[in-house]
Every structure is written in C-alpha cells, then in structure tokens.
Amino acid sequence: MNDVRSMDLEELRQVCAALGEKPFRAKQLFEWLHKKGAASYEEMTNLSAAFRRRLEEEYPLGPLEIVQVQTSRLDGTQKYLFRLFDGNVIESVLMRYHHGNSVCISSQVGCRMGCRFCASTIGGLVRPLSAGEMLEQIYRIAAHTGERVSNVVVMGTGEPLDNYDNLLRFIRLLSAPEGMNLSQRNLTVSTCGLVPEMRRLAGEHLQITLALSLHAPNDEKRKALMPIANRYTMDEVLDACRFYFQETGRRLTFEYALVGGENDSQEDADQLAGRIRGLNCHVNLIPVNPIKERNYVRSGKKVVENFKNKLEKYGINVTIRREMGADIDGACGQLRKSYIDKTEKGIS
C-alpha cells in the first residue's frame, strides 16, 4: 500500500523504520495527515527536509484537487467536485446545520447498484476509493472553508459496503484519538442492503449509525426501484437490521425516497409500518430529486405530510429530510454526471 493517508499508526511506524527514522516520527506524521489535514509534506515543519523528500519520492500525497464548488444561495450548502490522482472525479457535500457542519462523502467512483432514481449509478462502477481518498474529502472541505466538521455521512456516490475493507479502515482512521478523533456516533453509513456485509459490520461492534435505503414497503415495489432487491428480500434485509441493533445497540435509520405514484400511497405507508414496527428505528422521508435520465417525479407536499402522519399513528419515529442545496446540483451524483457529460462534449 503506497497510500500513506490510508495507513494506521503501526503501518506508519514501519514506514519510518524502513526510511531510517525513529518510531516517534510516525505519530508526528499521522497528526499532520489526520489532525491537521496537511495537503503536502512541505507543511510538516517538524520533520527533517531529508525525511520529507524521501516521503515525497516514495509516498506521494497527491491531495484531491477542487475542480468546482457550487454554493447554494438558499442555505449555504456547498457541493464539491474533486479530481483524483488518476483523473477520475467524485463529489462531496458540506451541509451547515445549527448543531454543526456535516459532510457527505463518496465511497466509490460511480456505483454498480443500479438504483433507478439515482444519478450516481448511471455510468456504473469505475473503482473503489481508498480510505485516504475518503478522508481527503473531509480534510479538503475543512481546509477550504476553515470550518470544523462535526458530522460525516457516507451517503454520496457509491455503495459503502461494496467497499467494505476500505470503509472499515476509513472509520478507524477517522475516529483515531491521534487524528481527527471524530466520535463514531457522529458517523452515518448508508447501504442499499448488502445483507452479508451488514451482518459482518454488526460484528465489528462499532458505534456508527447504519442507514438502510429501504424506499419501498414490499419486495415487488422494491425490485422495481432497486435491483439489489432481486438478491435479498426485505425479510432478509430487516433481519440483518435487527441483528445490527442486537449487536451494537444502535438505532437504525431507514431512508425512504418518496417517488410520486410509485411508493407514496396511504396503503404503502400502512404496509411499511407493518414491516418495521417493533424495530428500534427512525424513518427519514426524502422527496426524491428528479433526474433527467429517469421519468420519476417528486411526491407532492401534502402526500409527503400524509405519509408521515400515517407512520406516526403507528408510533414510528419519522422526519422529512430538510432539503439542502435545492438550487444547485444537490442530488447524489448530479454534479459529477453533468461534469462528465460536458467534458465528453468538449464543453469546458
């Protein structure tokens, strides 16, 4: 592994030993990378010039390059398009709330899950992101704004559990006391429902929040929206959710994108309540962001309210996601997709 940002403290000690440096240099290097978010070795002034030169030669940092930033005039939400060392582009979002700043990051370049209402998956999966590339999205945004990040959600482009080992490394590095030291309770990981990986994650006994993209009240409707539903039934997915709660004690979040005329009827709400009642959970209703490649439409405001009220009558904890960045390419994958389309057409 040559990605120094993806290395833990012990691995950095081995790097230092191989370069003839004392073990304590590893902690200094780790702090520069993960506590101070250094973009270059030049910034690491308490390391010798010779050591920094060797690091640059053997472990080039190649920080993410900001290609574009869109800022919402409505709420200050900022969408970032980053270029990776290999020329691929990914996107991240900074959302400002009264309780602090939240950054939504991507876990893959593209996605192979094929959810029908999502722009992220249209070009398929290109490659996974390393733990360092996931962390860099947070560090570059913090450096660009000069503001502290207090919450992280892995809900951008990609299926996090389809990049399991890198995700786990990312979580451990993000919450390391010597680094950013973000509480795992302030970290949410989304999944469309990869059952074996959900169970495996439960066994890690982390304190993160797991958010399941449910989006339908039954198998038939879920299959129409999410190809993963052809592999795992709702019963299997919800059993994995129960197991996750049993192992971690962490309340589940169910993401439910409301698509006009598809999954937003009162009958759908009744069915959904029947499936998840008794689970320690919270439902996050998301009026879907229409994308030009699909003909799905957003549920009306009254329909969304009625759906919420129906679930609450069953004693289920529900919120309607506050819409952020509605005047920019806010939907997941939209900014990257529009950039790639323009680049292919030769429009700068």
Protein backbone atom coordinates (compact mmCIF):
# COMPACT_ATOMS: atom_id res chain seq x y z
CA MET A 1 0.00 0.00 0.00
CA ASN A 2 1.55 3.29 -1.09
CA ASP A 3 -1.34 5.50 0.03
CA VAL A 4 0.17 6.94 3.20
CA ARG A 5 -3.16 8.53 4.23
CA SER A 6 -4.72 5.07 4.41
CA MET A 7 -2.10 3.75 6.85
CA ASP A 8 -2.67 3.35 10.57
CA LEU A 9 -0.11 4.31 13.18
CA GLU A 10 1.59 0.91 13.26
CA GLU A 11 1.96 0.89 9.47
CA LEU A 12 3.46 4.38 9.61
CA ARG A 13 5.97 3.16 12.23
CA GLN A 14 7.06 0.52 9.73
CA VAL A 15 7.44 3.21 7.03
CA CYS A 16 9.56 5.32 9.38
CA ALA A 17 11.74 2.33 10.32
CA ALA A 18 12.27 1.48 6.64
CA LEU A 19 13.38 5.08 6.00
CA GLY A 20 15.74 5.06 8.98
CA GLU A 21 13.60 7.32 11.17
CA LYS A 22 12.75 6.98 14.88
CA PRO A 23 9.33 5.42 15.75
CA PHE A 24 8.01 8.69 17.30
CA ARG A 25 8.12 10.29 13.84
CA ALA A 26 5.15 8.08 12.88
CA LYS A 27 2.88 9.85 15.37
CA GLN A 28 4.01 13.26 14.09
CA LEU A 29 3.32 12.17 10.51
CA PHE A 30 -0.10 10.75 11.50
CA GLU A 31 -1.05 14.01 13.24
CA TRP A 32 -0.02 16.08 10.22
CA LEU A 33 -2.12 13.92 7.94
CA HIS A 34 -5.21 13.36 10.07
CA LYS A 35 -5.35 16.03 12.79
CA LYS A 36 -4.01 18.98 10.81
CA GLY A 37 -5.12 17.76 7.37
CA ALA A 38 -1.83 18.63 5.68
CA ALA A 39 -2.04 18.72 1.89
CA SER A 40 1.73 18.43 1.36
CA TYR A 41 4.87 17.25 3.12
CA GLU A 42 6.22 20.82 2.90
CA GLU A 43 3.79 21.79 5.66
CA MET A 44 5.27 19.21 8.06
CA THR A 45 7.88 21.55 9.50
CA ASN A 46 8.90 19.38 12.48
CA LEU A 47 10.08 16.63 10.09
CA SER A 48 13.53 16.96 8.56
CA ALA A 49 13.83 18.14 4.95
CA ALA A 50 15.58 14.86 4.02
CA PHE A 51 12.76 12.77 5.54
CA ARG A 52 10.10 14.84 3.79
CA ARG A 53 11.94 14.43 0.48
CA ARG A 54 12.09 10.64 0.90
CA LEU A 55 8.38 10.56 1.75
CA GLU A 56 7.56 12.63 -1.33
CA GLU A 57 9.55 10.25 -3.54
CA GLU A 58 8.14 7.01 -2.15
CA TYR A 59 4.70 8.02 -0.85
CA PRO A 60 3.45 10.98 -2.92
CA LEU A 61 0.43 12.60 -1.27
CA GLY A 62 -1.48 13.79 -4.34
CA PRO A 63 -4.25 15.64 -2.48
CA LEU A 64 -7.68 15.89 -4.05
CA GLU A 65 -7.93 18.83 -6.43
CA ILE A 66 -11.02 21.03 -6.22
CA VAL A 67 -12.47 21.23 -9.74
CA GLN A 68 -15.69 23.04 -8.93
CA VAL A 69 -17.65 24.33 -5.92
CA GLN A 70 -21.36 25.13 -6.12
CA THR A 71 -22.76 27.19 -3.26
CA SER A 72 -26.47 27.36 -2.54
CA ARG A 73 -27.89 30.85 -2.16
CA LEU A 74 -30.72 29.37 -0.14
CA ASP A 75 -28.88 27.73 2.75
CA GLY A 76 -25.11 27.90 2.13
CA THR A 77 -24.84 24.21 1.25
CA GLN A 78 -21.71 23.62 -0.82
CA LYS A 79 -21.22 20.86 -3.37
CA TYR A 80 -17.62 19.98 -4.23
CA LEU A 81 -16.34 18.24 -7.32
CA PHE A 82 -12.88 16.76 -6.68
CA ARG A 83 -10.36 15.33 -9.15
CA LEU A 84 -8.45 12.24 -8.01
CA PHE A 85 -4.82 11.47 -8.87
CA ASP A 86 -5.93 9.26 -11.80
CA GLY A 87 -8.20 11.92 -13.36
CA ASN A 88 -11.48 10.48 -12.09
CA VAL A 89 -13.89 12.89 -10.40
CA ILE A 90 -16.01 12.46 -7.28
CA GLU A 91 -18.37 14.73 -5.36
CA SER A 92 -18.93 15.65 -1.73
CA VAL A 93 -21.35 17.98 0.04
CA LEU A 94 -20.97 20.34 3.00
CA MET A 95 -24.25 20.99 4.81
CA ARG A 96 -24.44 23.61 7.54
CA TYR A 97 -26.85 22.98 10.42
CA HIS A 98 -27.34 24.82 13.70
CA HIS A 99 -25.75 21.85 15.52
CA GLY A 100 -22.63 21.88 13.31
CA ASN A 101 -21.26 21.13 9.86
CA SER A 102 -21.99 17.82 8.21
CA VAL A 103 -20.00 16.46 5.24
CA CYS A 104 -21.45 13.85 2.91
CA ILE A 105 -18.71 11.88 1.14
CA SER A 106 -18.46 9.40 -1.72
CA SER A 107 -17.08 5.89 -1.17
CA GLN A 108 -16.62 4.83 -4.81
CA VAL A 109 -16.09 6.36 -8.24
CA GLY A 110 -19.51 5.53 -9.70
CA CYS A 111 -21.71 2.73 -8.39
CA ARG A 112 -22.91 -0.65 -9.61
CA MET A 113 -26.08 -0.95 -7.53
CA GLY A 114 -28.34 0.47 -10.27
CA CYS A 115 -31.00 2.16 -8.11
CA ARG A 116 -33.44 3.61 -10.64
CA PHE A 117 -33.82 7.10 -9.15
CA CYS A 118 -30.11 7.78 -8.58
CA ALA A 119 -27.72 9.62 -10.92
CA SER A 120 -24.65 8.09 -9.22
CA THR A 121 -25.17 4.71 -10.80
CA ILE A 122 -25.79 5.72 -14.44
CA GLY A 123 -22.19 5.21 -15.59
CA GLY A 124 -21.68 2.08 -13.46
CA LEU A 125 -18.77 1.44 -11.10
CA VAL A 126 -15.32 2.72 -12.08
CA ARG A 127 -13.36 1.83 -8.94
CA PRO A 128 -13.47 1.89 -5.13
CA LEU A 129 -11.96 4.78 -3.17
CA SER A 130 -9.14 4.14 -0.72
CA ALA A 131 -9.63 5.06 2.94
CA GLY A 132 -7.28 8.01 2.34
CA GLU A 133 -9.36 9.28 -0.59
CA MET A 134 -12.49 9.11 1.56
CA LEU A 135 -10.79 11.02 4.39
CA GLU A 136 -9.34 13.60 1.99
CA GLN A 137 -12.83 14.76 1.02
CA ILE A 138 -13.40 15.80 4.64
CA TYR A 139 -9.95 17.34 5.09
CA ARG A 140 -10.06 19.39 1.86
CA ILE A 141 -13.53 20.75 2.66
CA ALA A 142 -12.43 21.70 6.20
CA ALA A 143 -9.31 23.40 4.80
CA HIS A 144 -11.27 25.22 2.07
CA THR A 145 -13.90 26.61 4.43
CA GLY A 146 -11.75 26.98 7.54
CA GLU A 147 -14.67 25.43 9.45
CA ARG A 148 -14.78 22.38 11.69
CA VAL A 149 -16.61 19.26 10.51
CA SER A 150 -18.63 17.67 13.31
CA ASN A 151 -20.64 15.01 11.45
CA VAL A 152 -19.85 12.75 8.50
CA VAL A 153 -22.27 10.74 6.37
CA VAL A 154 -21.08 8.17 3.85
CA MET A 155 -24.06 8.66 1.54
CA GLY A 156 -22.51 10.13 -1.59
CA THR A 157 -21.68 8.23 -4.76
CA GLY A 158 -21.10 4.50 -4.27
CA GLU A 159 -22.30 1.68 -2.03
CA PRO A 160 -20.09 1.86 1.08
CA LEU A 161 -20.50 -1.83 1.98
CA ASP A 162 -19.40 -2.75 -1.56
CA ASN A 163 -16.06 -1.21 -0.50
CA TYR A 164 -16.05 -2.90 2.91
CA ASP A 165 -12.36 -3.13 3.85
CA ASN A 166 -11.57 0.45 2.81
CA LEU A 167 -14.70 1.68 4.61
CA LEU A 168 -13.67 -0.03 7.84
CA ARG A 169 -10.15 1.39 7.62
CA PHE A 170 -11.67 4.85 6.96
CA ILE A 171 -13.88 4.59 10.07
CA ARG A 172 -10.99 3.55 12.30
CA LEU A 173 -8.72 6.33 10.98
CA LEU A 174 -11.46 8.98 11.26
CA SER A 175 -12.16 8.07 14.89
CA ALA A 176 -8.50 7.56 15.91
CA PRO A 177 -7.65 9.67 19.02
CA GLU A 178 -4.35 10.77 17.43
CA GLY A 179 -6.17 12.08 14.34
CA MET A 180 -9.45 13.89 13.75
CA ASN A 181 -10.92 11.91 16.68
CA LEU A 182 -14.49 12.11 15.34
CA SER A 183 -16.89 10.22 17.57
CA GLN A 184 -18.28 7.17 15.77
CA ARG A 185 -21.70 8.29 16.98
CA ASN A 186 -21.32 11.27 14.63
CA LEU A 187 -20.78 9.00 11.63
CA THR A 188 -23.57 7.53 9.49
CA VAL A 189 -23.01 4.86 6.84
CA SER A 190 -25.68 4.19 4.22
CA THR A 191 -26.35 0.90 2.46
CA CYS A 192 -28.88 -0.29 -0.09
CA GLY A 193 -28.97 -3.61 1.75
CA LEU A 194 -25.96 -5.91 1.23
CA VAL A 195 -27.05 -8.45 3.83
CA PRO A 196 -23.79 -10.41 4.43
CA GLU A 197 -21.82 -7.17 4.81
CA MET A 198 -24.47 -5.69 7.14
CA ARG A 199 -24.11 -8.72 9.40
CA ARG A 200 -20.33 -8.54 9.18
CA LEU A 201 -20.44 -4.84 10.10
CA ALA A 202 -22.63 -5.65 13.12
CA GLY A 203 -19.86 -7.98 14.32
CA GLU A 204 -17.35 -5.09 14.32
CA HIS A 205 -19.33 -3.57 17.24
CA LEU A 206 -18.78 0.00 16.05
CA GLN A 207 -20.88 2.88 17.37
CA ILE A 208 -21.78 4.29 13.94
CA THR A 209 -25.36 4.75 12.70
CA LEU A 210 -26.38 2.39 9.90
CA ALA A 211 -28.87 3.87 7.43
CA LEU A 212 -30.72 1.43 5.19
CA SER A 213 -32.04 2.70 1.86
CA LEU A 214 -35.42 0.97 2.03
CA HIS A 215 -37.52 3.05 -0.40
CA ALA A 216 -40.42 0.58 -0.65
CA PRO A 217 -42.94 -1.20 1.59
CA ASN A 218 -42.72 -4.62 -0.11
CA ASP A 219 -40.46 -6.78 -2.29
CA GLU A 220 -42.35 -6.14 -5.52
CA LYS A 221 -42.06 -2.34 -5.34
CA ARG A 222 -38.50 -2.52 -4.03
CA LYS A 223 -37.43 -4.64 -7.01
CA ALA A 224 -38.86 -2.03 -9.38
CA LEU A 225 -36.70 0.69 -7.79
CA MET A 226 -33.63 -1.21 -6.58
CA PRO A 227 -32.01 -4.16 -8.39
CA ILE A 228 -30.38 -5.31 -5.11
CA ALA A 229 -33.88 -6.39 -4.02
CA ASN A 230 -33.65 -9.24 -6.54
CA ARG A 231 -30.76 -10.63 -4.48
CA TYR A 232 -32.02 -10.04 -0.92
CA THR A 233 -35.65 -9.97 0.21
CA MET A 234 -37.00 -7.35 2.58
CA ASP A 235 -37.30 -10.02 5.27
CA GLU A 236 -33.57 -10.81 4.92
CA VAL A 237 -32.63 -7.12 4.97
CA LEU A 238 -34.80 -6.33 8.00
CA ASP A 239 -33.48 -9.41 9.84
CA ALA A 240 -29.97 -8.05 9.25
CA CYS A 241 -31.15 -4.71 10.70
CA ARG A 242 -32.46 -6.45 13.83
CA PHE A 243 -29.14 -8.27 14.14
CA TYR A 244 -27.27 -4.97 13.79
CA PHE A 245 -29.29 -3.43 16.64
CA GLN A 246 -28.88 -6.55 18.77
CA GLU A 247 -25.08 -6.48 18.34
CA THR A 248 -24.46 -2.72 18.63
CA GLY A 249 -27.45 -1.22 20.47
CA ARG A 250 -27.52 1.47 17.77
CA ARG A 251 -30.89 2.63 16.44
CA LEU A 252 -31.38 2.05 12.70
CA THR A 253 -32.29 4.76 10.21
CA PHE A 254 -34.48 3.86 7.23
CA GLU A 255 -34.11 6.15 4.23
CA TYR A 256 -37.31 6.26 2.19
CA ALA A 257 -37.27 8.26 -1.07
CA LEU A 258 -40.83 9.19 -1.95
CA VAL A 259 -41.49 8.81 -5.68
CA GLY A 260 -44.80 10.24 -6.94
CA GLY A 261 -47.30 7.46 -7.68
CA GLU A 262 -44.76 4.70 -7.02
CA ASN A 263 -44.36 4.23 -3.28
CA ASP A 264 -46.16 7.13 -1.59
CA SER A 265 -49.78 5.99 -1.07
CA GLN A 266 -51.51 5.56 2.30
CA GLU A 267 -51.56 1.81 1.62
CA ASP A 268 -47.77 1.94 1.14
CA ALA A 269 -47.44 3.69 4.49
CA ASP A 270 -49.63 1.03 6.16
CA GLN A 271 -47.51 -1.77 4.66
CA LEU A 272 -44.25 -0.08 5.61
CA ALA A 273 -45.39 0.38 9.20
CA GLY A 274 -46.35 -3.29 9.35
CA ARG A 275 -42.85 -4.33 8.25
CA ILE A 276 -40.80 -2.14 10.60
CA ARG A 277 -42.95 -1.86 13.74
CA GLY A 278 -41.12 -3.12 16.79
CA LEU A 279 -37.72 -2.22 15.34
CA ASN A 280 -35.77 0.47 17.15
CA CYS A 281 -35.68 2.77 14.15
CA HIS A 282 -36.16 6.20 12.68
CA VAL A 283 -37.62 6.82 9.21
CA ASN A 284 -36.20 9.62 7.11
CA LEU A 285 -38.60 10.56 4.30
CA ILE A 286 -36.87 12.05 1.26
CA PRO A 287 -38.90 13.71 -1.51
CA VAL A 288 -36.96 12.33 -4.49
CA ASN A 289 -34.74 14.66 -6.54
CA PRO A 290 -35.87 14.20 -10.17
CA ILE A 291 -33.04 13.49 -12.64
CA LYS A 292 -33.32 13.96 -16.37
CA GLU A 293 -32.32 10.37 -17.19
CA ARG A 294 -35.40 8.98 -15.38
CA ASN A 295 -39.06 9.89 -15.52
CA TYR A 296 -39.73 9.70 -11.77
CA VAL A 297 -41.49 12.66 -10.17
CA ARG A 298 -41.41 14.02 -6.66
CA SER A 299 -44.34 13.37 -4.33
CA GLY A 300 -46.45 16.43 -3.54
CA LYS A 301 -46.05 18.22 -0.22
CA LYS A 302 -49.46 17.08 1.03
CA VAL A 303 -48.75 13.46 0.05
CA VAL A 304 -45.44 13.56 1.97
CA GLU A 305 -47.19 15.01 5.06
CA ASN A 306 -49.93 12.38 4.90
CA PHE A 307 -47.36 9.58 4.60
CA LYS A 308 -45.52 10.94 7.65
CA ASN A 309 -48.74 11.27 9.67
CA LYS A 310 -49.78 7.72 8.84
CA LEU A 311 -46.45 6.28 10.06
CA GLU A 312 -46.61 8.37 13.23
CA LYS A 313 -50.06 6.93 14.01
CA TYR A 314 -48.30 3.56 14.26
CA GLY A 315 -45.84 5.04 16.77
CA ILE A 316 -42.95 5.21 14.32
CA ASN A 317 -40.38 7.99 14.66
CA VAL A 318 -40.38 9.95 11.36
CA THR A 319 -38.81 13.08 9.91
CA ILE A 320 -38.98 14.67 6.47
CA ARG A 321 -35.45 15.39 5.32
CA ARG A 322 -34.83 19.10 5.18
CA GLU A 323 -33.99 19.91 1.58
CA MET A 324 -30.48 21.27 1.23
CA GLY A 325 -28.97 22.89 -1.84
CA ALA A 326 -32.14 22.78 -3.94
CA ASP A 327 -30.78 25.47 -6.28
CA ILE A 328 -27.55 23.55 -7.07
CA ASP A 329 -26.84 20.00 -8.35
CA GLY A 330 -27.94 18.70 -4.96
CA ALA A 331 -28.98 15.15 -5.82
CA CYS A 332 -26.40 12.45 -5.38
CA GLY A 333 -24.27 12.04 -8.49
CA GLN A 334 -25.74 15.01 -10.39
CA LEU A 335 -22.71 17.31 -10.34
CA ARG A 336 -20.30 14.54 -11.36
CA LYS A 337 -22.67 13.37 -14.12
CA SER A 338 -23.14 16.88 -15.58
CA TYR A 339 -19.36 17.49 -15.45
CA ILE A 340 -18.59 14.22 -17.26
CA ASP A 341 -21.31 14.93 -19.89
CA LYS A 342 -19.86 18.39 -20.57
CA THR A 343 -16.29 17.08 -20.71
CA GLU A 344 -17.25 14.38 -23.23
CA LYS A 345 -18.92 17.01 -25.39
CA GLY A 346 -15.85 19.26 -25.14
CA ILE A 347 -17.67 21.96 -23.17
CA SER A 348 -15.42 23.49 -20.51
